[in-house]
Amino acid sequence: MAIFGKLAYEDGVSTLTLLAVRFSLATVIFAVLLVARPATARSLRGAGTRTLAIGLGLGAIGYATQAGLFFAALQRLDASLLALVLYTFPAWVMLGSFAIGRERPTRRRVLALGLSSTGLVILLAGASGGGVDPAGVALGLGAAVTYTVYILVADRAGPEISSLALTTLVCLGAACTLGLVGIASGSLDLALSADAWLWLVLIAVVSTAMPIVAFFAGLSRVGPSTAAILSTLEPVVTVALAYLAFSEVLSGVQLAGAALVLGAAVLLAAPARRGSPAPPDY
């Protein structure tokens, strides 16, 4: 997504246009999938007002804010660095869980937090020589923290509908917020070039709809712990593609920091002990 976002910016797409189109197209895709799965659609139709409000609110407030911060940061930071800054969110989620008393500190969790924090410092220190944008870093960290709040709220709310139905509501809520803000600010511009529309469609299909569907399909087959560990490939893929597309290169020091951030994510996702049950799928 960071790669397509950079390419969309090069073709003159504004942040609000990108986000409004992304979530609008994704909503249409998920709505079609719901229609194709009558049982899932019935669960959404039978959902209560509270459940619908939670799903729409998560998108309209949480996901819209997180995505806005991420793409605003993308205008200021390299795609590879931003992907790794965002991927400190597992450690933020753990820290948030400690703060609200949902989880207790353990040696392994504290170690993971230390690894992630140290890795982030090394990443940013290694990038400072290249003139890293402090505002971009702040926006990237804001995206990670906002995603943390989104996860913790979604976990506590726990609406009793399928993942696909919830995702549809979240995307719809985000599309409404971002579309209205784009119209009110005069930033929504759909008169784009064919290349720009290509990047927007790819963001909606390849970087939004497909990974969500694929993740939940994999989740049902390998369980949440393995799925979470495998998803740490995401920033690795971004770093590799950023090199191929934009010749972005992380220094040796930054690669060491990246290894610590990803190692912390794997440590947090791995089962506590051999044979222990996987955590519940929220």
C-alpha atoms as a PDB file:
ATOM      1  CA  MET A   1       0.000   0.000   0.000  1.00  0.00           C
ATOM      2  CA  ALA A   2       2.830   2.397   0.774  1.00  0.00           C
ATOM      3  CA  ILE A   3       4.262   1.785  -2.703  1.00  0.00           C
ATOM      4  CA  PHE A   4       0.964   2.413  -4.500  1.00  0.00           C
ATOM      5  CA  GLY A   5       0.393   5.442  -2.268  1.00  0.00           C
ATOM      6  CA  LYS A   6       3.725   6.993  -3.276  1.00  0.00           C
ATOM      7  CA  LEU A   7       2.912   6.375  -6.947  1.00  0.00           C
ATOM      8  CA  ALA A   8      -0.558   7.902  -6.537  1.00  0.00           C
ATOM      9  CA  TYR A   9       0.975  11.012  -4.964  1.00  0.00           C
ATOM     10  CA  GLU A  10       3.330  11.316  -7.924  1.00  0.00           C
ATOM     11  CA  ASP A  11       0.268  11.392 -10.194  1.00  0.00           C
ATOM     12  CA  GLY A  12      -1.326  14.236  -8.249  1.00  0.00           C
ATOM     13  CA  VAL A  13      -3.769  12.386  -5.992  1.00  0.00           C
ATOM     14  CA  SER A  14      -4.534  14.177  -2.714  1.00  0.00           C
ATOM     15  CA  THR A  15      -4.500  12.264   0.583  1.00  0.00           C
ATOM     16  CA  LEU A  16      -8.239  12.677   1.188  1.00  0.00           C
ATOM     17  CA  THR A  17      -9.108  11.645  -2.369  1.00  0.00           C
ATOM     18  CA  LEU A  18      -6.923   8.564  -2.031  1.00  0.00           C
ATOM     19  CA  LEU A  19      -8.509   7.539   1.258  1.00  0.00           C
ATOM     20  CA  ALA A  20     -12.111   8.282   0.266  1.00  0.00           C
ATOM     21  CA  VAL A  21     -11.776   6.266  -2.942  1.00  0.00           C
ATOM     22  CA  ARG A  22      -9.889   3.465  -1.180  1.00  0.00           C
ATOM     23  CA  PHE A  23     -12.565   2.867   1.426  1.00  0.00           C
ATOM     24  CA  SER A  24     -15.484   3.472  -0.945  1.00  0.00           C
ATOM     25  CA  LEU A  25     -14.227   0.860  -3.402  1.00  0.00           C
ATOM     26  CA  ALA A  26     -13.379  -1.531  -0.570  1.00  0.00           C
ATOM     27  CA  THR A  27     -16.900  -1.139   0.843  1.00  0.00           C
ATOM     28  CA  VAL A  28     -18.382  -2.073  -2.540  1.00  0.00           C
ATOM     29  CA  ILE A  29     -16.114  -5.131  -2.776  1.00  0.00           C
ATOM     30  CA  PHE A  30     -17.014  -6.344   0.712  1.00  0.00           C
ATOM     31  CA  ALA A  31     -20.717  -5.674   0.101  1.00  0.00           C
ATOM     32  CA  VAL A  32     -20.552  -7.901  -3.009  1.00  0.00           C
ATOM     33  CA  LEU A  33     -18.840 -10.620  -0.957  1.00  0.00           C
ATOM     34  CA  LEU A  34     -21.594 -10.342   1.665  1.00  0.00           C
ATOM     35  CA  VAL A  35     -24.292 -10.758  -0.968  1.00  0.00           C
ATOM     36  CA  ALA A  36     -22.452 -13.838  -2.244  1.00  0.00           C
ATOM     37  CA  ARG A  37     -22.564 -15.305   1.270  1.00  0.00           C
ATOM     38  CA  PRO A  38     -26.223 -15.182   2.375  1.00  0.00           C
ATOM     39  CA  ALA A  39     -25.556 -16.614   5.857  1.00  0.00           C
ATOM     40  CA  THR A  40     -23.025 -13.883   6.601  1.00  0.00           C
ATOM     41  CA  ALA A  41     -25.345 -11.226   5.198  1.00  0.00           C
ATOM     42  CA  ARG A  42     -28.152 -12.454   7.447  1.00  0.00           C
ATOM     43  CA  SER A  43     -25.922 -12.045  10.500  1.00  0.00           C
ATOM     44  CA  LEU A  44     -25.416  -8.396   9.575  1.00  0.00           C
ATOM     45  CA  ARG A  45     -29.121  -7.807   8.976  1.00  0.00           C
ATOM     46  CA  GLY A  46     -29.858  -9.333  12.363  1.00  0.00           C
ATOM     47  CA  ALA A  47     -27.273  -7.226  14.187  1.00  0.00           C
ATOM     48  CA  GLY A  48     -28.481  -4.829  16.843  1.00  0.00           C
ATOM     49  CA  THR A  49     -28.170  -1.057  16.765  1.00  0.00           C
ATOM     50  CA  ARG A  50     -25.237  -1.144  19.205  1.00  0.00           C
ATOM     51  CA  THR A  51     -23.295  -3.582  17.055  1.00  0.00           C
ATOM     52  CA  LEU A  52     -23.900  -1.540  13.903  1.00  0.00           C
ATOM     53  CA  ALA A  53     -22.873   1.648  15.701  1.00  0.00           C
ATOM     54  CA  ILE A  54     -19.669   0.032  16.975  1.00  0.00           C
ATOM     55  CA  GLY A  55     -18.694  -1.193  13.519  1.00  0.00           C
ATOM     56  CA  LEU A  56     -19.415   2.120  11.820  1.00  0.00           C
ATOM     57  CA  GLY A  57     -17.741   4.066  14.634  1.00  0.00           C
ATOM     58  CA  LEU A  58     -14.580   1.986  14.442  1.00  0.00           C
ATOM     59  CA  GLY A  59     -14.290   2.944  10.794  1.00  0.00           C
ATOM     60  CA  ALA A  60     -15.574   6.526  10.958  1.00  0.00           C
ATOM     61  CA  ILE A  61     -13.308   7.496  13.853  1.00  0.00           C
ATOM     62  CA  GLY A  62     -10.588   4.898  14.416  1.00  0.00           C
ATOM     63  CA  TYR A  63      -9.669   3.539  10.998  1.00  0.00           C
ATOM     64  CA  ALA A  64     -10.223   6.867   9.228  1.00  0.00           C
ATOM     65  CA  THR A  65      -7.876   8.622  11.659  1.00  0.00           C
ATOM     66  CA  GLN A  66      -5.239   5.900  11.463  1.00  0.00           C
ATOM     67  CA  ALA A  67      -5.290   5.839   7.665  1.00  0.00           C
ATOM     68  CA  GLY A  68      -5.182   9.625   7.470  1.00  0.00           C
ATOM     69  CA  LEU A  69      -2.121   9.791   9.711  1.00  0.00           C
ATOM     70  CA  PHE A  70      -0.409   6.964   7.799  1.00  0.00           C
ATOM     71  CA  PHE A  71      -0.831   8.563   4.374  1.00  0.00           C
ATOM     72  CA  ALA A  72       0.053  12.007   5.687  1.00  0.00           C
ATOM     73  CA  ALA A  73       3.283  10.476   7.025  1.00  0.00           C
ATOM     74  CA  LEU A  74       3.849   8.785   3.667  1.00  0.00           C
ATOM     75  CA  GLN A  75       4.189  12.216   2.061  1.00  0.00           C
ATOM     76  CA  ARG A  76       7.137  12.938   4.382  1.00  0.00           C
ATOM     77  CA  LEU A  77       8.881   9.588   4.971  1.00  0.00           C
ATOM     78  CA  ASP A  78      10.286   6.785   2.861  1.00  0.00           C
ATOM     79  CA  ALA A  79       7.835   3.905   2.476  1.00  0.00           C
ATOM     80  CA  SER A  80      10.285   1.458   4.052  1.00  0.00           C
ATOM     81  CA  LEU A  81      10.900   3.543   7.176  1.00  0.00           C
ATOM     82  CA  LEU A  82       7.199   4.295   7.650  1.00  0.00           C
ATOM     83  CA  ALA A  83       6.272   0.612   7.392  1.00  0.00           C
ATOM     84  CA  LEU A  84       8.673  -0.230  10.199  1.00  0.00           C
ATOM     85  CA  VAL A  85       7.587   2.706  12.375  1.00  0.00           C
ATOM     86  CA  LEU A  86       3.960   1.565  12.007  1.00  0.00           C
ATOM     87  CA  TYR A  87       4.916  -1.986  12.907  1.00  0.00           C
ATOM     88  CA  THR A  88       5.785  -0.953  16.424  1.00  0.00           C
ATOM     89  CA  PHE A  89       2.026  -1.184  17.092  1.00  0.00           C
ATOM     90  CA  PRO A  90       2.155  -4.703  18.657  1.00  0.00           C
ATOM     91  CA  ALA A  91       4.332  -3.263  21.421  1.00  0.00           C
ATOM     92  CA  TRP A  92       1.988  -0.278  21.836  1.00  0.00           C
ATOM     93  CA  VAL A  93      -0.977  -2.656  22.092  1.00  0.00           C
ATOM     94  CA  MET A  94       0.804  -4.570  24.833  1.00  0.00           C
ATOM     95  CA  LEU A  95       1.685  -1.360  26.672  1.00  0.00           C
ATOM     96  CA  GLY A  96      -1.917  -0.195  26.400  1.00  0.00           C
ATOM     97  CA  SER A  97      -3.147  -3.531  27.722  1.00  0.00           C
ATOM     98  CA  PHE A  98      -0.844  -3.131  30.727  1.00  0.00           C
ATOM     99  CA  ALA A  99      -2.096   0.413  31.344  1.00  0.00           C
ATOM    100  CA  ILE A 100      -5.779  -0.533  31.416  1.00  0.00           C
ATOM    101  CA  GLY A 101      -5.185  -3.743  33.358  1.00  0.00           C
ATOM    102  CA  ARG A 102      -6.236  -6.122  30.598  1.00  0.00           C
ATOM    103  CA  GLU A 103      -2.913  -7.985  30.641  1.00  0.00           C
ATOM    104  CA  ARG A 104      -0.168  -8.457  33.191  1.00  0.00           C
ATOM    105  CA  PRO A 105       3.504  -7.799  32.478  1.00  0.00           C
ATOM    106  CA  THR A 106       5.638 -10.887  31.980  1.00  0.00           C
ATOM    107  CA  ARG A 107       9.346 -11.180  31.325  1.00  0.00           C
ATOM    108  CA  ARG A 108       8.735 -12.076  27.711  1.00  0.00           C
ATOM    109  CA  ARG A 109       6.386  -9.139  27.151  1.00  0.00           C
ATOM    110  CA  VAL A 110       8.713  -6.680  28.824  1.00  0.00           C
ATOM    111  CA  LEU A 111      11.579  -8.045  26.724  1.00  0.00           C
ATOM    112  CA  ALA A 112       9.510  -7.593  23.553  1.00  0.00           C
ATOM    113  CA  LEU A 113       8.676  -4.035  24.537  1.00  0.00           C
ATOM    114  CA  GLY A 114      12.352  -3.307  25.120  1.00  0.00           C
ATOM    115  CA  LEU A 115      13.321  -4.826  21.766  1.00  0.00           C
ATOM    116  CA  SER A 116      10.692  -2.854  19.880  1.00  0.00           C
ATOM    117  CA  SER A 117      11.567   0.427  21.603  1.00  0.00           C
ATOM    118  CA  THR A 118      15.287  -0.067  21.042  1.00  0.00           C
ATOM    119  CA  GLY A 119      14.696  -1.022  17.418  1.00  0.00           C
ATOM    120  CA  LEU A 120      12.611   2.108  16.827  1.00  0.00           C
ATOM    121  CA  VAL A 121      15.319   4.332  18.337  1.00  0.00           C
ATOM    122  CA  ILE A 122      17.975   2.675  16.163  1.00  0.00           C
ATOM    123  CA  LEU A 123      15.802   3.030  13.057  1.00  0.00           C
ATOM    124  CA  LEU A 124      15.231   6.739  13.613  1.00  0.00           C
ATOM    125  CA  ALA A 125      18.802   7.431  14.694  1.00  0.00           C
ATOM    126  CA  GLY A 126      20.069   5.672  11.584  1.00  0.00           C
ATOM    127  CA  ALA A 127      17.708   7.716   9.420  1.00  0.00           C
ATOM    128  CA  SER A 128      18.557  11.057  11.010  1.00  0.00           C
ATOM    129  CA  GLY A 129      21.715  11.337   8.961  1.00  0.00           C
ATOM    130  CA  GLY A 130      19.543  11.321   5.848  1.00  0.00           C
ATOM    131  CA  GLY A 131      17.427  14.228   7.089  1.00  0.00           C
ATOM    132  CA  VAL A 132      14.418  12.323   8.393  1.00  0.00           C
ATOM    133  CA  ASP A 133      11.325  14.522   8.774  1.00  0.00           C
ATOM    134  CA  PRO A 134      10.336  14.839  12.482  1.00  0.00           C
ATOM    135  CA  ALA A 135       6.729  15.654  11.527  1.00  0.00           C
ATOM    136  CA  GLY A 136       6.610  12.532   9.377  1.00  0.00           C
ATOM    137  CA  VAL A 137       7.897  10.422  12.257  1.00  0.00           C
ATOM    138  CA  ALA A 138       5.294  11.973  14.579  1.00  0.00           C
ATOM    139  CA  LEU A 139       2.526  11.215  12.081  1.00  0.00           C
ATOM    140  CA  GLY A 140       3.776   7.626  11.657  1.00  0.00           C
ATOM    141  CA  LEU A 141       3.881   7.064  15.405  1.00  0.00           C
ATOM    142  CA  GLY A 142       0.447   8.669  15.637  1.00  0.00           C
ATOM    143  CA  ALA A 143      -0.833   6.122  13.119  1.00  0.00           C
ATOM    144  CA  ALA A 144       0.643   3.283  15.197  1.00  0.00           C
ATOM    145  CA  VAL A 145      -0.857   4.599  18.441  1.00  0.00           C
ATOM    146  CA  THR A 146      -4.241   5.232  16.813  1.00  0.00           C
ATOM    147  CA  TYR A 147      -4.237   1.671  15.466  1.00  0.00           C
ATOM    148  CA  THR A 148      -3.468   0.508  19.011  1.00  0.00           C
ATOM    149  CA  VAL A 149      -6.517   2.328  20.379  1.00  0.00           C
ATOM    150  CA  TYR A 150      -8.595   0.911  17.508  1.00  0.00           C
ATOM    151  CA  ILE A 151      -7.519  -2.644  18.385  1.00  0.00           C
ATOM    152  CA  LEU A 152      -8.141  -2.240  22.112  1.00  0.00           C
ATOM    153  CA  VAL A 153     -11.587  -0.711  21.566  1.00  0.00           C
ATOM    154  CA  ALA A 154     -12.540  -3.377  19.020  1.00  0.00           C
ATOM    155  CA  ASP A 155     -11.356  -6.068  21.422  1.00  0.00           C
ATOM    156  CA  ARG A 156     -13.440  -4.702  24.282  1.00  0.00           C
ATOM    157  CA  ALA A 157     -16.504  -4.046  22.131  1.00  0.00           C
ATOM    158  CA  GLY A 158     -16.503  -7.478  20.517  1.00  0.00           C
ATOM    159  CA  PRO A 159     -19.541  -7.106  18.213  1.00  0.00           C
ATOM    160  CA  GLU A 160     -21.285 -10.422  17.587  1.00  0.00           C
ATOM    161  CA  ILE A 161     -21.048 -10.441  13.810  1.00  0.00           C
ATOM    162  CA  SER A 162     -18.718 -12.107  11.339  1.00  0.00           C
ATOM    163  CA  SER A 163     -15.336 -10.635  10.488  1.00  0.00           C
ATOM    164  CA  LEU A 164     -16.477  -9.926   6.915  1.00  0.00           C
ATOM    165  CA  ALA A 165     -19.593  -8.096   8.112  1.00  0.00           C
ATOM    166  CA  LEU A 166     -17.567  -6.069  10.612  1.00  0.00           C
ATOM    167  CA  THR A 167     -14.987  -5.183   7.956  1.00  0.00           C
ATOM    168  CA  THR A 168     -17.764  -3.958   5.654  1.00  0.00           C
ATOM    169  CA  LEU A 169     -19.116  -1.687   8.384  1.00  0.00           C
ATOM    170  CA  VAL A 170     -15.637  -0.380   9.235  1.00  0.00           C
ATOM    171  CA  CYS A 171     -14.865   0.467   5.596  1.00  0.00           C
ATOM    172  CA  LEU A 172     -18.279   2.100   5.157  1.00  0.00           C
ATOM    173  CA  GLY A 173     -17.754   4.244   8.249  1.00  0.00           C
ATOM    174  CA  ALA A 174     -14.286   5.297   7.104  1.00  0.00           C
ATOM    175  CA  ALA A 175     -15.540   6.072   3.584  1.00  0.00           C
ATOM    176  CA  CYS A 176     -18.305   8.313   4.962  1.00  0.00           C
ATOM    177  CA  THR A 177     -15.962  10.274   7.244  1.00  0.00           C
ATOM    178  CA  LEU A 178     -13.215  10.744   4.680  1.00  0.00           C
ATOM    179  CA  GLY A 179     -15.650  11.544   1.864  1.00  0.00           C
ATOM    180  CA  LEU A 180     -17.420  14.202   3.932  1.00  0.00           C
ATOM    181  CA  VAL A 181     -14.137  15.750   5.091  1.00  0.00           C
ATOM    182  CA  GLY A 182     -12.860  15.734   1.522  1.00  0.00           C
ATOM    183  CA  ILE A 183     -15.996  17.480   0.228  1.00  0.00           C
ATOM    184  CA  ALA A 184     -16.076  20.015   3.082  1.00  0.00           C
ATOM    185  CA  SER A 185     -12.409  20.899   2.621  1.00  0.00           C
ATOM    186  CA  GLY A 186     -12.563  20.970  -1.162  1.00  0.00           C
ATOM    187  CA  SER A 187      -9.817  18.328  -1.300  1.00  0.00           C
ATOM    188  CA  LEU A 188     -11.887  15.612  -2.982  1.00  0.00           C
ATOM    189  CA  ASP A 189     -10.987  15.534  -6.671  1.00  0.00           C
ATOM    190  CA  LEU A 190     -12.052  12.619  -8.845  1.00  0.00           C
ATOM    191  CA  ALA A 191     -10.877  14.179 -12.125  1.00  0.00           C
ATOM    192  CA  LEU A 192      -7.733  12.060 -12.172  1.00  0.00           C
ATOM    193  CA  SER A 193      -5.522  10.544 -14.829  1.00  0.00           C
ATOM    194  CA  ALA A 194      -5.828   6.907 -15.850  1.00  0.00           C
ATOM    195  CA  ASP A 195      -2.556   6.119 -14.064  1.00  0.00           C
ATOM    196  CA  ALA A 196      -3.819   7.719 -10.863  1.00  0.00           C
ATOM    197  CA  TRP A 197      -7.027   5.668 -10.975  1.00  0.00           C
ATOM    198  CA  LEU A 198      -4.940   2.543 -11.519  1.00  0.00           C
ATOM    199  CA  TRP A 199      -3.029   3.151  -8.270  1.00  0.00           C
ATOM    200  CA  LEU A 200      -6.276   3.861  -6.390  1.00  0.00           C
ATOM    201  CA  VAL A 201      -7.924   0.675  -7.648  1.00  0.00           C
ATOM    202  CA  LEU A 202      -4.815  -1.323  -6.738  1.00  0.00           C
ATOM    203  CA  ILE A 203      -4.829   0.182  -3.234  1.00  0.00           C
ATOM    204  CA  ALA A 204      -8.500  -0.758  -2.790  1.00  0.00           C
ATOM    205  CA  VAL A 205      -8.222  -4.264  -4.265  1.00  0.00           C
ATOM    206  CA  VAL A 206      -4.643  -5.472  -3.711  1.00  0.00           C
ATOM    207  CA  SER A 207      -3.807  -3.548  -0.537  1.00  0.00           C
ATOM    208  CA  THR A 208      -7.184  -3.496   1.231  1.00  0.00           C
ATOM    209  CA  ALA A 209      -9.742  -6.114   0.144  1.00  0.00           C
ATOM    210  CA  MET A 210      -7.453  -9.003  -0.817  1.00  0.00           C
ATOM    211  CA  PRO A 211      -5.221  -8.949   2.299  1.00  0.00           C
ATOM    212  CA  ILE A 212      -8.191  -8.729   4.675  1.00  0.00           C
ATOM    213  CA  VAL A 213      -9.955 -11.664   3.040  1.00  0.00           C
ATOM    214  CA  ALA A 214      -6.710 -13.638   2.775  1.00  0.00           C
ATOM    215  CA  PHE A 215      -5.784 -12.937   6.396  1.00  0.00           C
ATOM    216  CA  PHE A 216      -9.107 -14.187   7.755  1.00  0.00           C
ATOM    217  CA  ALA A 217      -8.964 -17.231   5.453  1.00  0.00           C
ATOM    218  CA  GLY A 218      -5.463 -18.023   6.740  1.00  0.00           C
ATOM    219  CA  LEU A 219      -6.519 -17.310  10.305  1.00  0.00           C
ATOM    220  CA  SER A 220      -9.152 -20.044  10.156  1.00  0.00           C
ATOM    221  CA  ARG A 221      -6.545 -22.547   8.913  1.00  0.00           C
ATOM    222  CA  VAL A 222      -3.420 -21.846  10.972  1.00  0.00           C
ATOM    223  CA  GLY A 223      -4.731 -19.990  14.023  1.00  0.00           C
ATOM    224  CA  PRO A 224      -4.145 -16.452  15.266  1.00  0.00           C
ATOM    225  CA  SER A 225      -0.609 -16.886  16.610  1.00  0.00           C
ATOM    226  CA  THR A 226       0.821 -18.282  13.382  1.00  0.00           C
ATOM    227  CA  ALA A 227      -1.155 -15.766  11.325  1.00  0.00           C
ATOM    228  CA  ALA A 228       0.204 -12.907  13.427  1.00  0.00           C
ATOM    229  CA  ILE A 229       3.783 -14.155  13.070  1.00  0.00           C
ATOM    230  CA  LEU A 230       3.432 -14.592   9.312  1.00  0.00           C
ATOM    231  CA  SER A 231       2.008 -11.076   8.998  1.00  0.00           C
ATOM    232  CA  THR A 232       5.360  -9.678  10.157  1.00  0.00           C
ATOM    233  CA  LEU A 233       6.443 -10.269   6.550  1.00  0.00           C
ATOM    234  CA  GLU A 234       4.398  -7.168   5.677  1.00  0.00           C
ATOM    235  CA  PRO A 235       7.072  -4.555   6.460  1.00  0.00           C
ATOM    236  CA  VAL A 236       9.754  -6.837   5.014  1.00  0.00           C
ATOM    237  CA  VAL A 237       7.878  -6.908   1.709  1.00  0.00           C
ATOM    238  CA  THR A 238       7.446  -3.116   1.848  1.00  0.00           C
ATOM    239  CA  VAL A 239      11.179  -2.593   2.375  1.00  0.00           C
ATOM    240  CA  ALA A 240      11.984  -4.882  -0.562  1.00  0.00           C
ATOM    241  CA  LEU A 241       9.451  -3.246  -2.888  1.00  0.00           C
ATOM    242  CA  ALA A 242      10.536   0.244  -1.842  1.00  0.00           C
ATOM    243  CA  TYR A 243      14.062  -0.669  -2.904  1.00  0.00           C
ATOM    244  CA  LEU A 244      12.852  -1.974  -6.277  1.00  0.00           C
ATOM    245  CA  ALA A 245      10.428   0.880  -6.954  1.00  0.00           C
ATOM    246  CA  PHE A 246      12.208   3.903  -5.482  1.00  0.00           C
ATOM    247  CA  SER A 247      15.761   2.688  -4.703  1.00  0.00           C
ATOM    248  CA  GLU A 248      15.103   3.270  -0.991  1.00  0.00           C
ATOM    249  CA  VAL A 249      17.878   1.606   0.985  1.00  0.00           C
ATOM    250  CA  LEU A 250      18.085   1.080   4.739  1.00  0.00           C
ATOM    251  CA  SER A 251      21.538   1.362   6.270  1.00  0.00           C
ATOM    252  CA  GLY A 252      23.118  -1.534   8.119  1.00  0.00           C
ATOM    253  CA  VAL A 253      22.260   0.132  11.428  1.00  0.00           C
ATOM    254  CA  GLN A 254      18.643   0.591  10.355  1.00  0.00           C
ATOM    255  CA  LEU A 255      18.409  -3.050   9.282  1.00  0.00           C
ATOM    256  CA  ALA A 256      19.528  -4.023  12.791  1.00  0.00           C
ATOM    257  CA  GLY A 257      16.791  -1.805  14.227  1.00  0.00           C
ATOM    258  CA  ALA A 258      14.255  -3.334  11.844  1.00  0.00           C
ATOM    259  CA  ALA A 259      15.269  -6.807  13.003  1.00  0.00           C
ATOM    260  CA  LEU A 260      14.596  -5.816  16.628  1.00  0.00           C
ATOM    261  CA  VAL A 261      11.143  -4.364  15.781  1.00  0.00           C
ATOM    262  CA  LEU A 262      10.132  -7.478  13.844  1.00  0.00           C
ATOM    263  CA  GLY A 263      11.666  -9.767  16.456  1.00  0.00           C
ATOM    264  CA  ALA A 264       9.538  -8.092  19.120  1.00  0.00           C
ATOM    265  CA  ALA A 265       6.404  -8.621  17.006  1.00  0.00           C
ATOM    266  CA  VAL A 266       7.211 -12.318  16.567  1.00  0.00           C
ATOM    267  CA  LEU A 267       7.958 -12.681  20.283  1.00  0.00           C
ATOM    268  CA  LEU A 268       4.595 -11.168  21.191  1.00  0.00           C
ATOM    269  CA  ALA A 269       2.689 -13.310  18.694  1.00  0.00           C
ATOM    270  CA  ALA A 270       4.331 -16.637  19.542  1.00  0.00           C
ATOM    271  CA  PRO A 271       2.565 -18.961  22.030  1.00  0.00           C
ATOM    272  CA  ALA A 272       3.846 -18.589  25.580  1.00  0.00           C
ATOM    273  CA  ARG A 273       4.902 -22.218  25.780  1.00  0.00           C
ATOM    274  CA  ARG A 274       4.831 -25.321  23.630  1.00  0.00           C
ATOM    275  CA  GLY A 275       1.344 -26.761  23.518  1.00  0.00           C
ATOM    276  CA  SER A 276      -0.315 -23.677  24.986  1.00  0.00           C
ATOM    277  CA  PRO A 277      -3.636 -22.689  23.439  1.00  0.00           C
ATOM    278  CA  ALA A 278      -3.711 -19.921  20.855  1.00  0.00           C
ATOM    279  CA  PRO A 279      -5.212 -16.612  21.929  1.00  0.00           C
ATOM    280  CA  PRO A 280      -8.830 -15.978  20.924  1.00  0.00           C
ATOM    281  CA  ASP A 281      -9.619 -14.520  17.515  1.00  0.00           C
ATOM    282  CA  TYR A 282     -11.035 -11.055  17.994  1.00  0.00           C
END
